[in-house]
Amino acid sequence: MSERSGIPGEGLVKGLAVTLKTMTSRSTTQQYPDVAPELPPRSRGVIALLAENCTVCMLCARECPDWCIYIDSHKEEVVVAGAARPRQRNVLDKFDIDFSLCMYCGICVEVCPFDALYWSPEFEYAEYDIKDLLHDKDHLGQWMGTVPPPPAHDHNGEPAKEEATAARKAAAPTSSAAHPTVVRPESGPAADGGTP
């Protein structure tokens, strides 16, 4: 049989002490509608679209687990001087995101190879009707003004891929030095260490 140490009611006193300490400390509640909250940097609010960067590659729509991105485009011919025939390019007609389905995973922002999608810290876009949560490219483009600049590169970290490639190309020697002439030993008895 184990002995109980301590005074009877010690646990109750400790619990009441915690309650008293909490009651006398200052509240940290933010008065949200009246005072704007201080969001952490790079917080996920809504997805913003930079339409001129979109090449209609459809990666974002294909990788979206909720299938909430709807894209439509048409092809346009571009005449290039000196080319044998005109080239074609995709022109974005429709880019909609249904935020009633979106789970804010950020996969579309991550897979976009042309930096057309960004996270904006805007989070106040509630609607009275769920159908109004389908936002078109004009609405998504309005949030680009609220996208914060990317954080500065850490000087102690590794250089960016682009910087490293540019530095490697700049440090590369000229073409003649890049491919040195290989001198091969002569064949025959002199090469083998024998007498010529």
N, C-alpha and C. Protein backbone atom coordinates (compact mmCIF):
# COMPACT_ATOMS: atom_id res chain seq x y z
N MET A 1 0.84 -1.19 0.00
CA MET A 1 0.00 0.00 0.00
C MET A 1 0.88 1.24 0.00
N SER A 2 0.65 2.11 -1.00
CA SER A 2 1.50 3.31 -1.10
C SER A 2 0.96 4.42 -0.23
N GLU A 3 1.89 5.16 0.34
CA GLU A 3 1.50 6.28 1.18
C GLU A 3 1.28 7.52 0.33
N ARG A 4 0.25 8.26 0.65
CA ARG A 4 0.00 9.52 -0.03
C ARG A 4 0.75 10.62 0.68
N SER A 5 1.53 11.38 -0.09
CA SER A 5 2.27 12.47 0.53
C SER A 5 1.53 13.77 0.30
N GLY A 6 1.65 14.65 1.21
CA GLY A 6 1.04 15.96 1.05
C GLY A 6 -0.15 16.16 1.97
N ILE A 7 -0.68 17.34 1.86
CA ILE A 7 -1.79 17.77 2.71
C ILE A 7 -3.10 17.46 1.99
N PRO A 8 -4.13 17.06 2.72
CA PRO A 8 -5.41 16.85 2.06
C PRO A 8 -5.92 18.16 1.45
N GLY A 9 -6.38 18.08 0.19
CA GLY A 9 -6.89 19.27 -0.51
C GLY A 9 -5.82 20.08 -1.21
N GLU A 10 -4.59 19.51 -1.29
CA GLU A 10 -3.49 20.24 -1.92
C GLU A 10 -3.76 20.45 -3.42
N GLY A 11 -4.34 19.46 -4.11
CA GLY A 11 -4.66 19.58 -5.52
C GLY A 11 -5.69 20.66 -5.78
N LEU A 12 -6.68 20.77 -4.89
CA LEU A 12 -7.71 21.80 -5.04
C LEU A 12 -7.10 23.19 -4.90
N VAL A 13 -6.18 23.33 -3.97
CA VAL A 13 -5.53 24.63 -3.77
C VAL A 13 -4.69 25.01 -4.99
N LYS A 14 -3.98 24.02 -5.55
CA LYS A 14 -3.18 24.30 -6.76
C LYS A 14 -4.07 24.71 -7.93
N GLY A 15 -5.19 24.03 -8.09
CA GLY A 15 -6.11 24.38 -9.16
C GLY A 15 -6.69 25.77 -9.00
N LEU A 16 -7.06 26.12 -7.77
CA LEU A 16 -7.59 27.46 -7.52
C LEU A 16 -6.52 28.53 -7.72
N ALA A 17 -5.25 28.19 -7.43
CA ALA A 17 -4.17 29.15 -7.65
C ALA A 17 -4.01 29.44 -9.14
N VAL A 18 -4.12 28.40 -9.97
CA VAL A 18 -4.03 28.60 -11.42
C VAL A 18 -5.19 29.47 -11.89
N THR A 19 -6.39 29.20 -11.38
CA THR A 19 -7.55 30.00 -11.76
C THR A 19 -7.38 31.45 -11.36
N LEU A 20 -6.90 31.70 -10.14
CA LEU A 20 -6.70 33.06 -9.66
C LEU A 20 -5.64 33.79 -10.50
N LYS A 21 -4.57 33.07 -10.85
CA LYS A 21 -3.51 33.68 -11.66
C LYS A 21 -4.06 34.07 -13.04
N THR A 22 -4.87 33.20 -13.63
CA THR A 22 -5.45 33.49 -14.94
C THR A 22 -6.43 34.65 -14.86
N MET A 23 -7.19 34.72 -13.79
CA MET A 23 -8.18 35.81 -13.64
C MET A 23 -7.51 37.17 -13.50
N THR A 24 -6.35 37.20 -12.89
CA THR A 24 -5.71 38.50 -12.64
C THR A 24 -4.78 38.93 -13.77
N SER A 25 -4.44 38.01 -14.70
CA SER A 25 -3.55 38.39 -15.81
C SER A 25 -4.35 39.11 -16.89
N ARG A 26 -3.65 39.90 -17.68
CA ARG A 26 -4.30 40.69 -18.73
C ARG A 26 -4.74 39.79 -19.88
N SER A 27 -5.90 40.05 -20.43
CA SER A 27 -6.45 39.26 -21.52
C SER A 27 -5.70 39.56 -22.81
N THR A 28 -5.47 38.52 -23.63
CA THR A 28 -4.78 38.69 -24.90
C THR A 28 -5.75 38.59 -26.08
N THR A 29 -7.02 38.70 -25.83
CA THR A 29 -8.01 38.60 -26.89
C THR A 29 -7.89 39.81 -27.82
N GLN A 30 -7.87 39.55 -29.12
CA GLN A 30 -7.85 40.64 -30.09
C GLN A 30 -9.28 41.00 -30.44
N GLN A 31 -9.58 42.28 -30.45
CA GLN A 31 -10.92 42.76 -30.76
C GLN A 31 -11.05 42.83 -32.27
N TYR A 32 -11.31 41.66 -32.91
CA TYR A 32 -11.15 41.52 -34.35
C TYR A 32 -11.87 42.51 -35.24
N PRO A 33 -13.15 42.67 -35.20
CA PRO A 33 -13.71 43.56 -36.23
C PRO A 33 -13.23 45.00 -36.09
N ASP A 34 -12.97 45.43 -34.86
CA ASP A 34 -12.54 46.80 -34.62
C ASP A 34 -11.04 46.98 -34.83
N VAL A 35 -10.26 45.95 -34.48
CA VAL A 35 -8.81 46.02 -34.60
C VAL A 35 -8.37 44.93 -35.57
N ALA A 36 -7.62 45.32 -36.60
CA ALA A 36 -7.14 44.34 -37.59
C ALA A 36 -6.13 43.41 -36.93
N PRO A 37 -6.23 42.11 -37.19
CA PRO A 37 -5.28 41.18 -36.57
C PRO A 37 -3.89 41.29 -37.18
N GLU A 38 -2.89 40.98 -36.39
CA GLU A 38 -1.51 40.96 -36.88
C GLU A 38 -1.24 39.55 -37.39
N LEU A 39 -1.26 39.39 -38.71
CA LEU A 39 -1.07 38.08 -39.30
C LEU A 39 0.41 37.75 -39.41
N PRO A 40 0.77 36.48 -39.31
CA PRO A 40 2.19 36.12 -39.50
C PRO A 40 2.59 36.35 -40.95
N PRO A 41 3.88 36.55 -41.20
CA PRO A 41 4.32 36.79 -42.58
C PRO A 41 4.02 35.59 -43.46
N ARG A 42 3.70 35.86 -44.72
CA ARG A 42 3.39 34.84 -45.72
C ARG A 42 2.22 33.96 -45.30
N SER A 43 1.24 34.52 -44.59
CA SER A 43 0.08 33.73 -44.20
C SER A 43 -0.81 33.48 -45.40
N ARG A 44 -1.58 32.41 -45.35
CA ARG A 44 -2.45 32.01 -46.45
C ARG A 44 -3.82 32.59 -46.26
N GLY A 45 -4.19 33.53 -47.11
CA GLY A 45 -5.53 34.11 -47.04
C GLY A 45 -6.34 33.72 -48.25
N VAL A 46 -5.98 34.26 -49.39
CA VAL A 46 -6.68 33.97 -50.64
C VAL A 46 -5.64 33.89 -51.75
N ILE A 47 -5.97 33.21 -52.83
CA ILE A 47 -5.03 33.04 -53.93
C ILE A 47 -5.21 34.18 -54.92
N ALA A 48 -4.12 34.86 -55.24
CA ALA A 48 -4.14 35.96 -56.20
C ALA A 48 -3.54 35.48 -57.52
N LEU A 49 -4.02 36.08 -58.62
CA LEU A 49 -3.60 35.66 -59.96
C LEU A 49 -2.93 36.83 -60.69
N LEU A 50 -1.75 36.57 -61.23
CA LEU A 50 -1.08 37.51 -62.12
C LEU A 50 -1.30 36.96 -63.54
N ALA A 51 -2.37 37.45 -64.19
CA ALA A 51 -2.85 36.84 -65.44
C ALA A 51 -1.83 36.91 -66.56
N GLU A 52 -0.99 37.96 -66.61
CA GLU A 52 -0.03 38.05 -67.71
C GLU A 52 1.07 37.00 -67.62
N ASN A 53 1.26 36.39 -66.46
CA ASN A 53 2.26 35.32 -66.34
C ASN A 53 1.69 33.95 -66.68
N CYS A 54 0.38 33.83 -66.75
CA CYS A 54 -0.26 32.53 -66.98
C CYS A 54 -0.12 32.13 -68.44
N THR A 55 0.42 30.93 -68.68
CA THR A 55 0.58 30.42 -70.04
C THR A 55 -0.44 29.32 -70.35
N VAL A 56 -1.42 29.14 -69.50
CA VAL A 56 -2.48 28.14 -69.65
C VAL A 56 -1.87 26.74 -69.77
N CYS A 57 -0.89 26.45 -68.92
CA CYS A 57 -0.28 25.12 -68.93
C CYS A 57 -1.16 24.09 -68.24
N MET A 58 -2.14 24.56 -67.46
CA MET A 58 -3.13 23.71 -66.79
C MET A 58 -2.55 22.88 -65.65
N LEU A 59 -1.32 23.13 -65.22
CA LEU A 59 -0.76 22.36 -64.12
C LEU A 59 -1.53 22.57 -62.83
N CYS A 60 -1.92 23.80 -62.56
CA CYS A 60 -2.64 24.08 -61.32
C CYS A 60 -3.98 23.35 -61.28
N ALA A 61 -4.70 23.34 -62.40
CA ALA A 61 -6.00 22.68 -62.45
C ALA A 61 -5.86 21.16 -62.35
N ARG A 62 -4.80 20.62 -62.95
CA ARG A 62 -4.61 19.16 -62.91
C ARG A 62 -4.17 18.68 -61.54
N GLU A 63 -3.36 19.48 -60.84
CA GLU A 63 -2.84 19.06 -59.54
C GLU A 63 -3.78 19.37 -58.38
N CYS A 64 -4.79 20.18 -58.61
CA CYS A 64 -5.71 20.56 -57.54
C CYS A 64 -6.49 19.33 -57.06
N PRO A 65 -6.39 18.97 -55.78
CA PRO A 65 -7.11 17.78 -55.29
C PRO A 65 -8.62 17.98 -55.23
N ASP A 66 -9.09 19.22 -55.20
CA ASP A 66 -10.52 19.48 -55.12
C ASP A 66 -11.15 19.81 -56.47
N TRP A 67 -10.33 19.95 -57.50
CA TRP A 67 -10.82 20.32 -58.83
C TRP A 67 -11.65 21.60 -58.76
N CYS A 68 -11.13 22.61 -58.10
CA CYS A 68 -11.88 23.85 -57.93
C CYS A 68 -11.37 24.97 -58.84
N ILE A 69 -10.43 24.67 -59.75
CA ILE A 69 -9.88 25.67 -60.66
C ILE A 69 -10.41 25.37 -62.06
N TYR A 70 -11.00 26.39 -62.69
CA TYR A 70 -11.57 26.24 -64.03
C TYR A 70 -10.86 27.19 -64.97
N ILE A 71 -10.25 26.64 -66.03
CA ILE A 71 -9.46 27.43 -66.96
C ILE A 71 -9.98 27.20 -68.38
N ASP A 72 -10.06 28.28 -69.14
CA ASP A 72 -10.45 28.19 -70.54
C ASP A 72 -9.55 29.15 -71.32
N SER A 73 -9.19 28.75 -72.55
CA SER A 73 -8.29 29.58 -73.35
C SER A 73 -8.56 29.35 -74.83
N HIS A 74 -7.90 30.16 -75.65
CA HIS A 74 -7.93 29.95 -77.09
C HIS A 74 -6.52 30.18 -77.64
N LYS A 75 -6.27 29.66 -78.83
CA LYS A 75 -4.96 29.80 -79.46
C LYS A 75 -4.96 31.02 -80.37
N GLU A 76 -3.81 31.69 -80.40
CA GLU A 76 -3.65 32.90 -81.20
C GLU A 76 -2.34 32.78 -81.96
N GLU A 77 -2.34 33.19 -83.22
CA GLU A 77 -1.11 33.13 -84.01
C GLU A 77 -0.27 34.38 -83.78
N VAL A 78 1.02 34.16 -83.64
CA VAL A 78 1.97 35.26 -83.43
C VAL A 78 2.99 35.19 -84.55
N VAL A 79 3.12 36.27 -85.31
CA VAL A 79 4.08 36.31 -86.41
C VAL A 79 5.43 36.77 -85.86
N VAL A 80 6.44 35.93 -86.07
CA VAL A 80 7.79 36.23 -85.60
C VAL A 80 8.63 36.57 -86.83
N ALA A 81 9.32 37.69 -86.77
CA ALA A 81 10.15 38.11 -87.91
C ALA A 81 11.27 37.10 -88.14
N GLY A 82 11.39 36.66 -89.37
CA GLY A 82 12.44 35.73 -89.72
C GLY A 82 12.05 34.27 -89.56
N ALA A 83 10.90 33.99 -89.02
CA ALA A 83 10.46 32.61 -88.84
C ALA A 83 9.76 32.13 -90.11
N ALA A 84 9.82 30.83 -90.37
CA ALA A 84 9.22 30.27 -91.57
C ALA A 84 7.70 30.30 -91.52
N ARG A 85 7.15 30.13 -90.33
CA ARG A 85 5.70 30.14 -90.20
C ARG A 85 5.32 30.81 -88.88
N PRO A 86 4.10 31.29 -88.75
CA PRO A 86 3.70 31.93 -87.49
C PRO A 86 3.60 30.91 -86.36
N ARG A 87 3.86 31.37 -85.16
CA ARG A 87 3.77 30.51 -83.98
C ARG A 87 2.41 30.69 -83.33
N GLN A 88 2.05 29.74 -82.49
CA GLN A 88 0.80 29.82 -81.77
C GLN A 88 1.08 29.95 -80.29
N ARG A 89 0.23 30.70 -79.61
CA ARG A 89 0.34 30.82 -78.17
C ARG A 89 -1.06 30.78 -77.57
N ASN A 90 -1.14 30.32 -76.34
CA ASN A 90 -2.42 30.25 -75.64
C ASN A 90 -2.73 31.59 -75.00
N VAL A 91 -3.98 31.99 -75.11
CA VAL A 91 -4.45 33.23 -74.50
C VAL A 91 -5.51 32.86 -73.45
N LEU A 92 -5.32 33.35 -72.25
CA LEU A 92 -6.21 33.02 -71.14
C LEU A 92 -7.55 33.74 -71.30
N ASP A 93 -8.64 32.99 -71.36
CA ASP A 93 -9.98 33.56 -71.43
C ASP A 93 -10.66 33.54 -70.06
N LYS A 94 -10.52 32.44 -69.36
CA LYS A 94 -11.24 32.28 -68.09
C LYS A 94 -10.32 31.60 -67.09
N PHE A 95 -10.25 32.15 -65.89
CA PHE A 95 -9.51 31.53 -64.79
C PHE A 95 -10.35 31.76 -63.55
N ASP A 96 -11.07 30.74 -63.11
CA ASP A 96 -11.95 30.84 -61.95
C ASP A 96 -11.48 29.89 -60.86
N ILE A 97 -11.60 30.34 -59.62
CA ILE A 97 -11.35 29.47 -58.47
C ILE A 97 -12.60 29.49 -57.60
N ASP A 98 -13.11 28.31 -57.29
CA ASP A 98 -14.28 28.18 -56.43
C ASP A 98 -13.79 28.02 -54.99
N PHE A 99 -13.83 29.11 -54.22
CA PHE A 99 -13.33 29.07 -52.86
C PHE A 99 -14.26 28.36 -51.90
N SER A 100 -15.45 27.97 -52.35
CA SER A 100 -16.30 27.13 -51.49
C SER A 100 -15.81 25.69 -51.51
N LEU A 101 -15.01 25.32 -52.51
CA LEU A 101 -14.43 23.98 -52.59
C LEU A 101 -12.96 23.95 -52.17
N CYS A 102 -12.27 25.07 -52.33
CA CYS A 102 -10.82 25.13 -52.09
C CYS A 102 -10.50 24.78 -50.64
N MET A 103 -9.46 23.95 -50.46
CA MET A 103 -9.05 23.60 -49.10
C MET A 103 -7.73 24.30 -48.71
N TYR A 104 -7.29 25.26 -49.52
CA TYR A 104 -6.15 26.12 -49.21
C TYR A 104 -4.88 25.30 -48.94
N CYS A 105 -4.68 24.27 -49.75
CA CYS A 105 -3.49 23.43 -49.59
C CYS A 105 -2.26 24.10 -50.19
N GLY A 106 -2.44 24.97 -51.19
CA GLY A 106 -1.31 25.67 -51.81
C GLY A 106 -0.61 24.89 -52.89
N ILE A 107 -1.14 23.76 -53.30
CA ILE A 107 -0.50 22.98 -54.36
C ILE A 107 -0.46 23.77 -55.66
N CYS A 108 -1.53 24.48 -55.98
CA CYS A 108 -1.56 25.25 -57.23
C CYS A 108 -0.50 26.33 -57.24
N VAL A 109 -0.26 26.97 -56.11
CA VAL A 109 0.77 28.01 -56.03
C VAL A 109 2.15 27.40 -56.19
N GLU A 110 2.35 26.21 -55.60
CA GLU A 110 3.66 25.56 -55.65
C GLU A 110 4.00 25.03 -57.04
N VAL A 111 3.00 24.48 -57.76
CA VAL A 111 3.31 23.83 -59.04
C VAL A 111 3.36 24.81 -60.20
N CYS A 112 2.91 26.04 -60.03
CA CYS A 112 2.89 27.00 -61.14
C CYS A 112 4.33 27.33 -61.55
N PRO A 113 4.74 26.95 -62.77
CA PRO A 113 6.13 27.17 -63.18
C PRO A 113 6.43 28.60 -63.61
N PHE A 114 5.41 29.42 -63.77
CA PHE A 114 5.61 30.78 -64.28
C PHE A 114 5.23 31.86 -63.27
N ASP A 115 5.08 31.49 -62.01
CA ASP A 115 4.75 32.44 -60.94
C ASP A 115 3.53 33.28 -61.28
N ALA A 116 2.44 32.62 -61.62
CA ALA A 116 1.19 33.31 -61.90
C ALA A 116 0.26 33.32 -60.69
N LEU A 117 0.47 32.42 -59.72
CA LEU A 117 -0.38 32.33 -58.54
C LEU A 117 0.42 32.66 -57.29
N TYR A 118 -0.19 33.44 -56.40
CA TYR A 118 0.47 33.88 -55.17
C TYR A 118 -0.51 33.80 -54.01
N TRP A 119 0.02 33.70 -52.79
CA TRP A 119 -0.80 33.79 -51.59
C TRP A 119 -0.93 35.26 -51.19
N SER A 120 -2.13 35.68 -50.96
CA SER A 120 -2.39 37.02 -50.44
C SER A 120 -2.88 36.88 -49.00
N PRO A 121 -2.50 37.77 -48.10
CA PRO A 121 -2.98 37.66 -46.72
C PRO A 121 -4.43 38.10 -46.52
N GLU A 122 -5.11 38.53 -47.59
CA GLU A 122 -6.52 38.92 -47.47
C GLU A 122 -7.36 37.71 -47.08
N PHE A 123 -8.18 37.87 -46.06
CA PHE A 123 -9.01 36.75 -45.63
C PHE A 123 -10.48 37.16 -45.45
N GLU A 124 -10.78 38.42 -45.65
CA GLU A 124 -12.16 38.89 -45.45
C GLU A 124 -12.88 38.94 -46.79
N TYR A 125 -13.34 37.79 -47.24
CA TYR A 125 -14.07 37.76 -48.51
C TYR A 125 -15.29 36.85 -48.37
N ALA A 126 -15.90 36.85 -47.21
CA ALA A 126 -17.10 36.05 -46.99
C ALA A 126 -18.25 36.60 -47.82
N GLU A 127 -19.15 35.72 -48.21
CA GLU A 127 -20.31 36.10 -49.03
C GLU A 127 -21.58 35.55 -48.38
N TYR A 128 -22.69 36.18 -48.69
CA TYR A 128 -23.97 35.69 -48.18
C TYR A 128 -24.48 34.49 -48.98
N ASP A 129 -24.07 34.40 -50.24
CA ASP A 129 -24.49 33.30 -51.08
C ASP A 129 -23.24 32.50 -51.48
N ILE A 130 -23.32 31.19 -51.37
CA ILE A 130 -22.16 30.35 -51.66
C ILE A 130 -21.74 30.44 -53.13
N LYS A 131 -22.66 30.76 -54.01
CA LYS A 131 -22.34 30.89 -55.43
C LYS A 131 -21.41 32.08 -55.69
N ASP A 132 -21.40 33.05 -54.80
CA ASP A 132 -20.54 34.22 -54.98
C ASP A 132 -19.08 33.95 -54.60
N LEU A 133 -18.79 32.75 -54.10
CA LEU A 133 -17.40 32.40 -53.78
C LEU A 133 -16.63 31.89 -54.99
N LEU A 134 -17.27 31.84 -56.16
CA LEU A 134 -16.59 31.52 -57.40
C LEU A 134 -16.01 32.83 -57.95
N HIS A 135 -14.70 33.00 -57.84
CA HIS A 135 -14.05 34.26 -58.21
C HIS A 135 -13.36 34.11 -59.57
N ASP A 136 -13.58 35.10 -60.44
CA ASP A 136 -12.99 35.07 -61.77
C ASP A 136 -11.61 35.71 -61.78
N LYS A 137 -10.98 35.74 -62.97
CA LYS A 137 -9.59 36.23 -63.06
C LYS A 137 -9.47 37.71 -62.72
N ASP A 138 -10.52 38.51 -62.98
CA ASP A 138 -10.45 39.92 -62.62
C ASP A 138 -10.46 40.10 -61.10
N HIS A 139 -11.31 39.33 -60.45
CA HIS A 139 -11.39 39.39 -58.98
C HIS A 139 -10.10 38.88 -58.35
N LEU A 140 -9.55 37.80 -58.89
CA LEU A 140 -8.29 37.26 -58.37
C LEU A 140 -7.13 38.21 -58.64
N GLY A 141 -7.20 38.94 -59.75
CA GLY A 141 -6.14 39.90 -60.07
C GLY A 141 -6.12 41.11 -59.15
N GLN A 142 -7.28 41.45 -58.57
CA GLN A 142 -7.34 42.61 -57.66
C GLN A 142 -6.54 42.36 -56.38
N TRP A 143 -6.34 41.10 -56.01
CA TRP A 143 -5.61 40.80 -54.78
C TRP A 143 -4.10 40.82 -54.97
N MET A 144 -3.62 41.01 -56.20
CA MET A 144 -2.17 41.05 -56.40
C MET A 144 -1.53 42.23 -55.69
N GLY A 145 -2.27 43.30 -55.49
CA GLY A 145 -1.75 44.47 -54.78
C GLY A 145 -1.48 44.20 -53.31
N THR A 146 -2.09 43.17 -52.76
CA THR A 146 -1.91 42.87 -51.33
C THR A 146 -0.88 41.78 -51.09
N VAL A 147 -0.30 41.22 -52.16
CA VAL A 147 0.70 40.16 -51.99
C VAL A 147 1.98 40.78 -51.47
N PRO A 148 2.50 40.30 -50.34
CA PRO A 148 3.74 40.88 -49.80
C PRO A 148 4.94 40.47 -50.63
N PRO A 149 6.00 41.27 -50.61
CA PRO A 149 7.21 40.89 -51.35
C PRO A 149 7.83 39.65 -50.71
N PRO A 150 8.58 38.87 -51.48
CA PRO A 150 9.20 37.67 -50.90
C PRO A 150 10.24 38.06 -49.87
N PRO A 151 10.50 37.18 -48.92
CA PRO A 151 11.51 37.50 -47.90
C PRO A 151 12.89 37.61 -48.54
N ALA A 152 13.74 38.40 -47.93
CA ALA A 152 15.10 38.58 -48.45
C ALA A 152 15.88 37.28 -48.35
N HIS A 153 16.78 37.09 -49.29
CA HIS A 153 17.59 35.88 -49.31
C HIS A 153 18.57 35.89 -48.15
N ASP A 154 18.72 34.77 -47.48
CA ASP A 154 19.65 34.64 -46.37
C ASP A 154 21.08 34.66 -46.92
N HIS A 155 21.89 35.61 -46.47
CA HIS A 155 23.25 35.75 -46.98
C HIS A 155 24.13 34.57 -46.58
N ASN A 156 23.78 33.88 -45.49
CA ASN A 156 24.56 32.73 -45.06
C ASN A 156 24.08 31.43 -45.71
N GLY A 157 22.97 31.49 -46.43
CA GLY A 157 22.43 30.29 -47.06
C GLY A 157 23.01 30.06 -48.44
N GLU A 158 22.52 29.00 -49.08
CA GLU A 158 22.98 28.69 -50.43
C GLU A 158 22.43 29.71 -51.41
N PRO A 159 23.16 30.02 -52.47
CA PRO A 159 22.63 30.96 -53.47
C PRO A 159 21.48 30.32 -54.24
N ALA A 160 20.64 31.15 -54.81
CA ALA A 160 19.53 30.65 -55.61
C ALA A 160 20.07 29.92 -56.84
N LYS A 161 19.24 29.03 -57.41
CA LYS A 161 19.64 28.26 -58.58
C LYS A 161 20.10 29.17 -59.72
N GLU A 162 19.33 30.24 -59.94
CA GLU A 162 19.64 31.15 -61.03
C GLU A 162 20.96 31.85 -60.80
N GLU A 163 21.21 32.28 -59.55
CA GLU A 163 22.47 32.96 -59.24
C GLU A 163 23.66 32.02 -59.41
N ALA A 164 23.51 30.78 -58.96
CA ALA A 164 24.61 29.81 -59.06
C ALA A 164 24.93 29.50 -60.53
N THR A 165 23.89 29.37 -61.35
CA THR A 165 24.10 29.09 -62.78
C THR A 165 24.78 30.26 -63.47
N ALA A 166 24.34 31.48 -63.16
CA ALA A 166 24.95 32.66 -63.76
C ALA A 166 26.41 32.81 -63.33
N ALA A 167 26.70 32.52 -62.07
CA ALA A 167 28.08 32.62 -61.59
C ALA A 167 28.96 31.56 -62.25
N ARG A 168 28.41 30.35 -62.46
CA ARG A 168 29.16 29.29 -63.10
C ARG A 168 29.46 29.64 -64.55
N LYS A 169 28.49 30.23 -65.25
CA LYS A 169 28.70 30.61 -66.64
C LYS A 169 29.72 31.73 -66.75
N ALA A 170 29.66 32.66 -65.80
CA ALA A 170 30.62 33.78 -65.83
C ALA A 170 32.03 33.31 -65.52
N ALA A 171 32.15 32.30 -64.68
CA ALA A 171 33.47 31.81 -64.29
C ALA A 171 34.03 30.78 -65.27
N ALA A 172 33.21 30.33 -66.23
CA ALA A 172 33.66 29.33 -67.18
C ALA A 172 34.75 29.92 -68.07
N PRO A 173 35.82 29.17 -68.31
CA PRO A 173 36.88 29.69 -69.18
C PRO A 173 36.42 29.71 -70.63
N THR A 174 37.26 30.28 -71.49
CA THR A 174 36.92 30.38 -72.91
C THR A 174 36.82 29.00 -73.51
N SER A 175 36.31 28.90 -74.73
CA SER A 175 36.05 27.60 -75.36
C SER A 175 37.34 26.80 -75.58
N SER A 176 38.47 27.46 -75.90
CA SER A 176 39.72 26.72 -76.12
C SER A 176 40.26 26.17 -74.81
N ALA A 177 40.11 26.93 -73.74
CA ALA A 177 40.59 26.44 -72.45
C ALA A 177 39.62 25.43 -71.85
N ALA A 178 38.36 25.51 -72.26
CA ALA A 178 37.38 24.58 -71.73
C ALA A 178 37.61 23.17 -72.26
N HIS A 179 38.18 23.06 -73.46
CA HIS A 179 38.46 21.76 -74.06
C HIS A 179 39.96 21.64 -74.29
N PRO A 180 40.74 21.30 -73.27
CA PRO A 180 42.19 21.24 -73.44
C PRO A 180 42.57 20.07 -74.35
N THR A 181 43.71 20.24 -75.02
CA THR A 181 44.20 19.21 -75.91
C THR A 181 44.78 18.09 -75.08
N VAL A 182 44.39 16.87 -75.41
CA VAL A 182 44.88 15.70 -74.68
C VAL A 182 46.12 15.20 -75.38
N VAL A 183 47.22 15.08 -74.66
CA VAL A 183 48.48 14.59 -75.21
C VAL A 183 48.59 13.12 -74.84
N ARG A 184 48.67 12.28 -75.86
CA ARG A 184 48.77 10.84 -75.62
C ARG A 184 50.22 10.40 -75.78
N PRO A 185 50.65 9.44 -74.99
CA PRO A 185 52.04 8.96 -75.15
C PRO A 185 52.19 8.22 -76.46
N GLU A 186 53.40 8.29 -77.00
CA GLU A 186 53.68 7.63 -78.26
C GLU A 186 53.69 6.13 -78.05
N SER A 187 53.26 5.42 -79.05
CA SER A 187 53.28 3.97 -78.96
C SER A 187 54.62 3.46 -79.46
N GLY A 188 55.00 2.34 -79.04
CA GLY A 188 56.28 1.77 -79.48
C GLY A 188 57.16 1.44 -78.30
N PRO A 189 58.37 1.04 -78.56
CA PRO A 189 59.25 0.62 -77.47
C PRO A 189 59.65 1.77 -76.55
N ALA A 190 59.72 3.04 -77.05
CA ALA A 190 60.10 4.17 -76.20
C ALA A 190 59.02 4.45 -75.17
N ALA A 191 57.79 4.25 -75.56
CA ALA A 191 56.69 4.49 -74.63
C ALA A 191 56.64 3.42 -73.57
N ASP A 192 57.14 2.22 -73.89
CA ASP A 192 57.10 1.14 -72.92
C ASP A 192 58.29 1.17 -71.98
N GLY A 193 59.19 2.08 -72.18
CA GLY A 193 60.37 2.17 -71.30
C GLY A 193 61.58 1.47 -71.89
N GLY A 194 61.42 0.92 -73.05
CA GLY A 194 62.55 0.22 -73.71
C GLY A 194 63.40 1.20 -74.50
N THR A 195 64.37 0.73 -75.18
CA THR A 195 65.23 1.60 -75.99
C THR A 195 64.60 1.85 -77.33
N PRO A 196 64.78 3.05 -77.90
CA PRO A 196 64.16 3.33 -79.20
C PRO A 196 64.82 2.60 -80.32
